[in-house]
Protein backbone atom coordinates (compact mmCIF):
# COMPACT_ATOMS: atom_id res chain seq x y z
CA UNK A 1 -10.95 2.14 10.06
CA UNK A 2 -9.10 0.80 12.76
CA UNK A 3 -5.90 0.35 10.87
CA UNK A 4 -5.83 4.22 10.79
CA UNK A 5 -7.15 4.73 14.22
CA UNK A 6 -4.49 2.76 16.02
CA UNK A 7 -1.61 4.59 14.59
CA UNK A 8 -3.18 7.87 15.44
CA UNK A 9 -3.80 6.99 18.98
CA UNK A 10 -0.11 5.70 19.11
CA UNK A 11 1.03 9.12 17.82
CA UNK A 12 -1.07 10.96 20.06
CA UNK A 13 0.43 9.15 23.07
CA UNK A 14 4.12 9.65 21.77
CA UNK A 15 3.47 13.27 21.28
CA UNK A 16 1.89 13.76 24.64
CA UNK A 17 4.78 11.88 26.31
CA UNK A 18 7.22 13.92 24.36
CA UNK A 19 5.54 17.28 25.36
CA UNK A 20 5.34 16.38 29.12
CA UNK A 21 9.18 15.19 28.75
CA UNK A 22 10.21 18.51 27.57
CA UNK A 23 8.36 20.28 30.05
CA UNK A 24 9.85 17.99 32.95
CA UNK A 25 13.23 18.47 31.66
CA UNK A 26 12.74 22.30 31.59
CA UNK A 27 11.19 22.69 35.04
CA UNK A 28 14.20 20.17 36.27
CA UNK A 29 16.57 22.78 34.84
CA UNK A 30 14.73 25.68 36.61
CA UNK A 31 14.68 24.05 39.91
CA UNK A 32 18.34 23.25 39.70
CA UNK A 33 19.24 26.79 38.52
CA UNK A 34 17.14 28.11 41.61
CA UNK A 35 18.90 25.82 44.14
CA UNK A 36 22.70 26.75 42.58
CA UNK A 37 21.85 30.47 42.23
CA UNK A 38 20.69 30.54 45.77
CA UNK A 39 23.77 29.12 47.08
CA UNK A 40 25.78 31.70 44.86
CA UNK A 41 23.47 34.43 46.19
CA UNK A 42 24.20 33.28 49.85
CA UNK A 43 27.84 33.47 49.36
CA UNK A 44 27.42 36.83 47.82
CA UNK A 45 25.38 38.17 50.68
CA UNK A 46 28.16 36.78 53.28
CA UNK A 47 30.81 38.67 51.12
CA UNK A 48 28.88 41.99 51.38
CA UNK A 49 28.45 42.33 47.59
CA UNK A 50 27.13 45.65 46.38
CA UNK A 51 23.49 45.73 45.89
CA UNK A 52 22.54 46.89 42.44
CA UNK A 53 21.54 45.98 38.76
CA UNK A 54 25.22 44.28 38.14
CA UNK A 55 24.49 41.66 41.14
CA UNK A 56 20.94 41.01 39.71
CA UNK A 57 22.36 40.19 36.30
CA UNK A 58 24.91 37.93 37.73
CA UNK A 59 22.29 35.93 39.54
CA UNK A 60 19.97 35.81 36.66
CA UNK A 61 19.52 32.64 34.63
CA UNK A 62 16.99 31.53 31.85
CA UNK A 63 13.66 30.99 33.60
CA UNK A 64 14.48 32.63 36.92
CA UNK A 65 13.36 35.92 38.55
CA UNK A 66 15.79 37.39 40.87
CA UNK A 67 14.85 40.25 43.46
CA UNK A 68 17.24 42.13 45.34
CA UNK A 69 16.44 44.54 48.00
CA UNK A 70 18.62 47.03 50.18
CA UNK A 71 16.87 47.79 53.40
CA UNK A 72 19.07 50.94 54.21
CA UNK A 73 18.42 52.73 50.98
CA UNK A 74 15.00 51.16 50.00
CA UNK A 75 16.40 50.08 46.48
CA UNK A 76 14.76 47.36 44.76
CA UNK A 77 16.27 45.60 41.90
CA UNK A 78 14.32 42.95 39.74
CA UNK A 79 15.97 40.92 36.83
CA UNK A 80 13.84 38.47 34.58
CA UNK A 81 13.13 37.71 31.05
CA UNK A 82 11.58 41.19 30.41
CA UNK A 83 15.07 42.63 31.62
CA UNK A 84 16.39 44.67 34.78
CA UNK A 85 14.32 47.09 36.61
CA UNK A 86 15.33 49.30 39.64
CA UNK A 87 12.49 50.53 42.19
CA UNK A 88 12.77 53.01 44.78
CA UNK A 89 11.32 50.37 47.40
CA UNK A 90 10.19 46.85 47.56
CA UNK A 91 6.90 46.15 45.64
CA UNK A 92 3.99 45.09 47.42
CA UNK A 93 1.67 42.13 46.03
CA UNK A 94 2.35 39.64 43.30
CA UNK A 95 2.23 37.06 46.01
CA UNK A 96 5.36 38.82 47.90
CA UNK A 97 5.44 39.64 51.49
CA UNK A 98 5.19 43.50 52.43
CA UNK A 99 8.52 43.31 54.35
CA UNK A 100 11.56 42.22 52.32
CA UNK A 101 13.84 42.92 55.34
CA UNK A 102 14.04 41.22 58.97
CA UNK A 103 14.17 44.66 60.50
CA UNK A 104 11.62 47.65 60.19
CA UNK A 105 10.81 48.94 56.77
CA UNK A 106 13.49 51.53 55.58
CA UNK A 107 10.98 54.23 54.92
CA UNK A 108 8.25 55.88 56.48
CA UNK A 109 4.51 55.18 55.57
CA UNK A 110 4.58 59.09 54.78
CA UNK A 111 7.97 59.32 53.31
CA UNK A 112 8.22 60.19 49.51
CA UNK A 113 9.96 57.55 47.45
CA UNK A 114 13.44 58.36 46.39
CA UNK A 115 13.13 56.65 43.02
CA UNK A 116 9.41 56.56 42.32
CA UNK A 117 8.64 53.22 40.49
CA UNK A 118 7.38 53.46 36.87
CA UNK A 119 3.43 53.31 36.07
CA UNK A 120 2.27 49.62 36.28
CA UNK A 121 5.53 48.03 37.43
CA UNK A 122 6.03 44.26 36.11
CA UNK A 123 5.77 42.84 39.54
CA UNK A 124 2.57 44.71 40.18
CA UNK A 125 0.71 43.54 37.38
CA UNK A 126 -1.36 40.69 37.66
CA UNK A 127 0.00 37.33 36.34
CA UNK A 128 -1.57 36.30 33.14
CA UNK A 129 -3.76 33.04 33.26
CA UNK A 130 -1.09 31.12 31.40
CA UNK A 131 1.54 32.27 33.73
CA UNK A 132 -0.61 31.10 36.77
CA UNK A 133 -0.99 27.76 35.14
CA UNK A 134 2.74 27.57 34.30
CA UNK A 135 3.79 28.34 37.95
CA UNK A 136 1.09 25.74 39.04
CA UNK A 137 2.56 23.13 37.13
CA UNK A 138 6.31 23.92 37.59
CA UNK A 139 6.00 23.63 41.60
CA UNK A 140 9.27 25.04 42.28
CA UNK A 141 9.28 27.19 45.47
CA UNK A 142 11.24 30.44 45.46
CA UNK A 143 14.25 30.45 47.84
CA UNK A 144 14.88 33.74 49.80
CA UNK A 145 18.21 34.95 51.65
CA UNK A 146 18.13 37.80 53.90
CA UNK A 147 21.03 39.66 55.95
CA UNK A 148 20.98 43.00 57.56
CA UNK A 149 22.45 44.65 54.65
CA UNK A 150 20.31 43.05 51.96
CA UNK A 151 17.74 40.37 50.85
CA UNK A 152 18.06 38.23 47.56
CA UNK A 153 15.10 36.11 46.15
CA UNK A 154 15.42 33.58 43.66
CA UNK A 155 12.35 32.44 42.22
CA UNK A 156 10.91 30.87 38.72
CA UNK A 157 10.00 33.48 36.18
CA UNK A 158 6.40 33.31 35.48
CA UNK A 159 6.49 35.18 32.08
CA UNK A 160 9.43 32.73 30.87
CA UNK A 161 7.43 29.82 32.20
CA UNK A 162 4.26 30.98 30.68
CA UNK A 163 6.00 31.56 27.21
CA UNK A 164 7.59 27.92 27.50
CA UNK A 165 4.00 26.39 28.39
CA UNK A 166 2.40 28.33 25.56
CA UNK A 167 4.96 27.05 22.97
CA UNK A 168 4.54 23.43 24.07
CA UNK A 169 0.92 23.88 24.00
CA UNK A 170 0.81 25.11 20.43
CA UNK A 171 3.33 22.43 19.57
CA UNK A 172 0.86 19.76 21.01
CA UNK A 173 -1.95 21.44 18.98
CA UNK A 174 0.08 21.67 15.88
CA UNK A 175 0.99 18.22 16.20
CA UNK A 176 -2.38 16.98 16.93
CA UNK A 177 -3.81 18.62 14.01
CA UNK A 178 -1.19 17.02 12.06
CA UNK A 179 -1.98 13.76 13.23
CA UNK A 180 -5.81 14.05 12.84
CA UNK A 181 -5.22 15.73 9.13
CA UNK A 182 -2.92 12.45 8.56
CA UNK A 183 -5.55 9.93 9.87
CA UNK A 184 -8.35 11.63 7.88
CA UNK A 185 -6.36 11.40 4.79
CA UNK A 186 -5.40 7.71 5.29
CA UNK A 187 -8.97 7.09 6.28
CA UNK A 188 -10.29 8.92 3.06
CA UNK A 189 -7.48 7.15 0.98
CA UNK A 190 -8.46 3.66 2.39
CA UNK A 191 -12.00 4.50 1.62
CA UNK A 192 -11.46 5.51 -1.89
CA UNK A 193 -9.21 2.18 -2.34
CA UNK A 194 -11.89 0.10 -0.82
CA UNK A 195 -14.36 1.82 -3.14
CA UNK A 196 -12.36 1.24 -6.46
CA UNK A 197 -11.80 -2.41 -5.23
CA UNK A 198 -15.62 -2.69 -4.66
CA UNK A 199 -16.24 -1.37 -7.84
CA UNK A 200 -13.64 -3.54 -9.62
CA UNK A 201 -15.26 -6.59 -7.95
CA UNK A 202 -18.46 -5.41 -9.09
CA UNK A 203 -17.50 -4.89 -12.49
CA UNK A 204 -15.41 -8.22 -12.60
CA UNK A 205 -18.69 -10.18 -11.40
CA UNK A 206 -20.74 -8.21 -14.06
CA UNK A 207 -18.08 -9.26 -16.72
CA UNK A 208 -18.10 -12.81 -15.51
CA UNK A 209 -22.07 -12.93 -15.43
CA UNK A 210 -21.98 -11.65 -19.01
CA UNK A 211 -19.29 -14.28 -20.13
CA UNK A 212 -21.56 -16.88 -18.34
CA UNK A 213 -24.60 -16.07 -20.24
CA UNK A 214 -22.69 -15.67 -23.41
CA UNK A 215 -21.15 -19.04 -22.81
CA UNK A 216 -24.57 -20.57 -22.24
CA UNK A 217 -26.03 -19.17 -25.50
CA UNK A 218 -22.91 -19.72 -27.63
CA UNK A 219 -22.89 -23.64 -26.13
CA UNK A 220 -26.63 -23.93 -26.65
CA UNK A 221 -26.25 -22.66 -30.21
CA UNK A 222 -22.97 -25.18 -31.00
CA UNK A 223 -25.37 -28.05 -29.44
CA UNK A 224 -28.40 -27.48 -31.15
CA UNK A 225 -26.88 -27.98 -34.75
CA UNK A 226 -25.81 -31.54 -34.06
CA UNK A 227 -28.81 -32.33 -32.20
CA UNK A 228 -31.21 -30.88 -35.05
CA UNK A 229 -29.07 -33.14 -37.58
CA UNK A 230 -29.38 -36.04 -35.63
CA UNK A 231 -33.25 -35.79 -34.86
CA UNK A 232 -33.76 -35.16 -38.58
CA UNK A 233 -32.23 -38.53 -39.26
CA UNK A 234 -34.09 -40.10 -36.61
CA UNK A 235 -37.45 -38.73 -37.76
CA UNK A 236 -36.57 -40.28 -41.22
CA UNK A 237 -35.74 -43.69 -40.00
CA UNK A 238 -38.84 -43.70 -37.76
CA UNK A 239 -41.14 -42.62 -41.15
CA UNK A 240 -39.59 -45.42 -43.11
CA UNK A 241 -40.30 -47.96 -40.55
CA UNK A 242 -38.46 -51.24 -39.21
CA UNK A 243 -38.73 -52.86 -42.73
CA UNK A 244 -36.91 -50.48 -44.63
CA UNK A 245 -33.18 -50.61 -45.33
CA UNK A 246 -30.86 -48.65 -43.30
CA UNK A 247 -29.23 -45.92 -45.25
CA UNK A 248 -25.51 -45.89 -44.07
CA UNK A 249 -25.20 -42.16 -44.93
CA UNK A 250 -27.64 -41.60 -42.21
CA UNK A 251 -25.67 -43.68 -39.69
CA UNK A 252 -22.42 -42.10 -40.61
CA UNK A 253 -24.08 -38.43 -40.50
CA UNK A 254 -25.49 -39.31 -36.87
CA UNK A 255 -22.09 -40.57 -35.94
CA UNK A 256 -20.22 -37.38 -36.95
CA UNK A 257 -22.71 -35.27 -35.25
CA UNK A 258 -22.42 -37.31 -32.07
CA UNK A 259 -18.62 -36.99 -32.25
CA UNK A 260 -18.91 -33.39 -32.62
CA UNK A 261 -21.23 -32.98 -29.54
CA UNK A 262 -18.74 -35.26 -27.70
CA UNK A 263 -15.72 -33.24 -28.43
CA UNK A 264 -17.72 -29.96 -27.66
CA UNK A 265 -18.63 -31.35 -24.31
CA UNK A 266 -15.16 -32.51 -23.80
CA UNK A 267 -13.89 -29.00 -24.44
CA UNK A 268 -16.34 -27.26 -22.10
CA UNK A 269 -15.60 -29.71 -19.46
CA UNK A 270 -11.81 -28.73 -19.95
CA UNK A 271 -12.79 -25.00 -19.79
CA UNK A 272 -14.63 -25.78 -16.51
CA UNK A 273 -11.66 -27.30 -14.84
CA UNK A 274 -9.18 -24.51 -16.08
CA UNK A 275 -11.74 -22.00 -14.40
CA UNK A 276 -11.32 -24.23 -11.15
CA UNK A 277 -8.21 -24.52 -9.06
CA UNK A 278 -7.71 -28.03 -9.81
CA UNK A 279 -4.14 -28.56 -10.91
CA UNK A 280 -1.34 -30.75 -10.20
CA UNK A 281 1.69 -28.87 -10.94
CA UNK A 282 5.15 -30.78 -11.83
CA UNK A 283 8.18 -30.33 -13.95
CA UNK A 284 7.51 -30.96 -17.65
CA UNK A 285 10.14 -31.19 -20.37
CA UNK A 286 9.06 -29.10 -23.34
CA UNK A 287 10.71 -31.18 -25.83
CA UNK A 288 9.42 -34.58 -24.41
CA UNK A 289 5.73 -33.04 -24.26
CA UNK A 290 6.11 -31.67 -27.78
CA UNK A 291 7.21 -35.12 -29.19
CA UNK A 292 4.24 -36.95 -27.41
CA UNK A 293 1.88 -34.26 -28.84
CA UNK A 294 2.99 -34.94 -32.32
CA UNK A 295 2.69 -38.64 -31.84
CA UNK A 296 -0.83 -38.27 -30.62
CA UNK A 297 -1.80 -35.66 -33.58
CA UNK A 298 -0.33 -38.20 -36.23
CA UNK A 299 -2.30 -41.12 -34.72
CA UNK A 300 -5.58 -39.26 -35.04
CA UNK A 301 -4.71 -37.47 -38.57
CA UNK A 302 -2.40 -40.32 -40.07
CA UNK A 303 -2.02 -38.16 -43.29
CA UNK A 304 -0.68 -35.20 -41.55
CA UNK A 305 3.13 -34.11 -41.89
CA UNK A 306 4.50 -33.14 -38.26
CA UNK A 307 8.07 -32.76 -37.77
CA UNK A 308 9.75 -31.93 -34.38
CA UNK A 309 12.98 -30.02 -34.34
CA UNK A 310 13.80 -29.14 -30.75
CA UNK A 311 16.73 -26.79 -30.82
CA UNK A 312 16.96 -26.55 -26.85
CA UNK A 313 14.79 -27.86 -24.21
CA UNK A 314 14.13 -27.19 -20.55
CA UNK A 315 11.51 -27.81 -17.68
CA UNK A 316 8.81 -25.85 -16.71
CA UNK A 317 6.19 -26.12 -13.77
CA UNK A 318 2.90 -26.82 -15.06
CA UNK A 319 0.00 -29.25 -15.00
CA UNK A 320 0.84 -31.99 -17.59
CA UNK A 321 -2.62 -32.35 -18.80
CA UNK A 322 -2.97 -28.75 -19.13
CA UNK A 323 0.24 -28.39 -21.31
CA UNK A 324 -0.71 -31.36 -23.36
CA UNK A 325 -3.96 -29.94 -23.93
CA UNK A 326 -2.39 -26.32 -24.82
CA UNK A 327 0.08 -27.84 -27.32
CA UNK A 328 -2.75 -30.43 -28.75
CA UNK A 329 -5.05 -27.57 -29.58
CA UNK A 330 -2.44 -25.41 -31.36
CA UNK A 331 -1.36 -28.62 -33.70
CA UNK A 332 -5.29 -29.32 -34.16
CA UNK A 333 -5.71 -25.80 -35.28
CA UNK A 334 -2.91 -26.05 -37.91
CA UNK A 335 -4.33 -29.21 -39.15
CA UNK A 336 -7.74 -27.89 -39.82
CA UNK A 337 -6.88 -24.60 -41.05
CA UNK A 338 -3.73 -25.40 -42.71
CA UNK A 339 -4.64 -28.70 -44.55
CA UNK A 340 -1.87 -30.25 -46.37
CA UNK A 341 0.77 -28.18 -45.28
CA UNK A 342 3.54 -29.53 -43.22
CA UNK A 343 3.43 -28.54 -39.60
CA UNK A 344 7.06 -27.80 -38.01
CA UNK A 345 7.43 -27.87 -34.10
CA UNK A 346 10.43 -25.83 -32.61
CA UNK A 347 11.40 -25.62 -28.85
CA UNK A 348 13.81 -22.86 -27.70
CA UNK A 349 15.06 -21.48 -24.56
CA UNK A 350 15.83 -17.62 -24.03
CA UNK A 351 15.85 -15.19 -21.22
CA UNK A 352 14.40 -17.33 -18.70
CA UNK A 353 11.58 -18.62 -20.80
CA UNK A 354 11.12 -21.53 -22.91
CA UNK A 355 9.06 -21.26 -26.17
CA UNK A 356 7.28 -24.01 -28.29
CA UNK A 357 6.51 -22.76 -31.85
CA UNK A 358 3.93 -24.32 -34.26
CA UNK A 359 4.62 -23.49 -37.74
CA UNK A 360 2.46 -23.99 -40.63
CA UNK A 361 2.09 -23.01 -44.53
CA UNK A 362 -1.58 -22.22 -44.59
CA UNK A 363 -3.50 -19.55 -45.98
CA UNK A 364 -2.58 -17.23 -43.01
CA UNK A 365 -4.54 -15.05 -40.41
CA UNK A 366 -5.66 -11.45 -41.08
CA UNK A 367 -4.09 -9.01 -38.73
CA UNK A 368 -7.77 -7.80 -37.61
CA UNK A 369 -8.50 -11.50 -36.50
CA UNK A 370 -5.18 -12.12 -34.44
CA UNK A 371 -6.57 -11.25 -31.15
CA UNK A 372 -10.15 -12.34 -31.92
CA UNK A 373 -9.11 -15.90 -32.46
CA UNK A 374 -8.27 -16.68 -28.96
CA UNK A 375 -12.17 -15.99 -27.96
CA UNK A 376 -14.45 -18.65 -27.34
CA UNK A 377 -16.49 -19.76 -30.29
CA UNK A 378 -14.71 -17.45 -32.73
CA UNK A 379 -13.85 -19.36 -35.97
CA UNK A 380 -12.86 -16.29 -38.45
CA UNK A 381 -14.99 -14.66 -41.07
CA UNK A 382 -13.70 -16.98 -43.77
CA UNK A 383 -13.80 -20.32 -42.31
CA UNK A 384 -16.44 -22.99 -42.78
CA UNK A 385 -19.04 -23.53 -40.15
CA UNK A 386 -17.93 -27.37 -39.82
CA UNK A 387 -14.04 -26.40 -39.42
CA UNK A 388 -14.15 -26.66 -35.49
CA UNK A 389 -16.02 -25.35 -32.62
CA UNK A 390 -13.97 -22.23 -31.83
CA UNK A 391 -12.77 -23.34 -28.30
CA UNK A 392 -9.17 -24.56 -29.26
CA UNK A 393 -7.30 -21.40 -29.08
CA UNK A 394 -9.37 -20.04 -26.17
CA UNK A 395 -8.45 -23.27 -24.22
CA UNK A 396 -5.03 -22.34 -25.14
CA UNK A 397 -5.07 -18.79 -24.12
CA UNK A 398 -6.74 -19.85 -20.70
CA UNK A 399 -3.78 -22.48 -19.95
CA UNK A 400 -1.26 -19.85 -20.88
CA UNK A 401 -2.72 -17.24 -18.56
CA UNK A 402 -3.30 -19.92 -15.76
CA UNK A 403 0.51 -20.52 -15.67
CA UNK A 404 2.18 -17.14 -16.18
CA UNK A 405 2.62 -17.80 -20.02
CA UNK A 406 1.75 -16.25 -23.27
CA UNK A 407 0.36 -17.37 -26.62
CA UNK A 408 1.11 -15.32 -29.62
CA UNK A 409 0.79 -15.41 -33.37
CA UNK A 410 2.35 -14.24 -36.39
CA UNK A 411 1.13 -14.72 -39.90
CA UNK A 412 2.49 -13.26 -43.25
CA UNK A 413 4.22 -14.58 -46.28
CA UNK A 414 2.63 -17.92 -46.49
CA UNK A 415 3.65 -18.75 -42.93
CA UNK A 416 1.78 -18.69 -39.60
CA UNK A 417 3.49 -19.17 -36.27
CA UNK A 418 1.97 -19.58 -32.95
CA UNK A 419 4.42 -19.25 -30.06
CA UNK A 420 3.54 -20.85 -26.47
CA UNK A 421 5.83 -19.23 -23.97
CA UNK A 422 6.21 -20.23 -20.37
CA UNK A 423 8.82 -19.21 -17.61
CA UNK A 424 11.67 -21.84 -16.75
CA UNK A 425 11.31 -23.75 -13.55
CA UNK A 426 13.72 -22.50 -10.82
CA UNK A 427 15.63 -25.70 -11.08
CA UNK A 428 16.48 -24.37 -14.80
CA UNK A 429 17.33 -20.95 -13.97
CA UNK A 430 21.26 -21.73 -13.95
CA UNK A 431 22.71 -23.40 -17.05
CA UNK A 432 19.22 -23.75 -18.89
CA UNK A 433 20.67 -24.41 -22.39
CA UNK A 434 21.15 -28.11 -23.21
């Protein structure tokens, strides 16, 4: 709200200053015109110029009211924004003195007018409220010059000043409405954005809570199976007694289930670390990391056939443990779901990105499952229950998202390819090929 109020107040101040500045400029022009035209009128009186409409039009300027009186004939000429008017004698009222000449009035009180003024002459009509306000704000005094043969008065034109004031008032009102409307629209837009952001946060928290509940349920389910097996073996051993010989199959079964629980706990801890901000980014060479991952896989699975063919290599900015975990899980997934198949690792650089591809000749992955395989605890409809925990590819997807990378899967014609892609480090953006 405050972000919208401050610009609106500033706009009001600017608009008000502009309106006042324009008004001051107009009044200054009127004041200057009154002074200059008064000097001209004085010179014309000294030169005994002919009193009439032509003289009034000569002295008339925008914003000025010119009054000329001939005391000998009683002729009065007015010129303003309404035009030029000729009266038979100087009008009274409207703030004017009853005597326009220094001497006695040209006509007696009972003498008829030689040229009767029209009904309701402009000078006799009371000034409107806006015109009074304009004259009050103008503060420009009229200037009167009188000689024996004529009188000239130069004053501000109340009608024109009133129109100027009305126009500026309308401009201020329209500008104010625009400012208020703009501020209101901005406030409404900001409120809508905040509401949408709040709704998004609420939806995100709801989704996070649902994922957390699902994770707890799935983790409990995955841990319950090995614990049940181990508990059964322990019950059998207790029932036999201490004198009975130990069945090696029970020991092997408990060891297998314990190993499975350990792997599950380690992967859950890795997922928890990936959800936090704990990371140590550094430059990692993709070919070197791929070679180390292949060596680690061959140590764990001595019968595996893993080949590394780095076509190009480059460095990326990533946590080394994260990259090793991502590549290791992709390789382990290939070992488990493509048993006996040779595994090929390729690295390449293109369009500012480096890609590590893991290729196997396994049974392949259905199109309907290619997105679901990256979800937690998903192991495929046709997979055996013991062929993994369903967390490996979920970890790979989380690592890719964390470091602005992608993980994709292509499968068909007896070949499955997982492509792990990350943007190059800034140091590699010039001359990346090696």
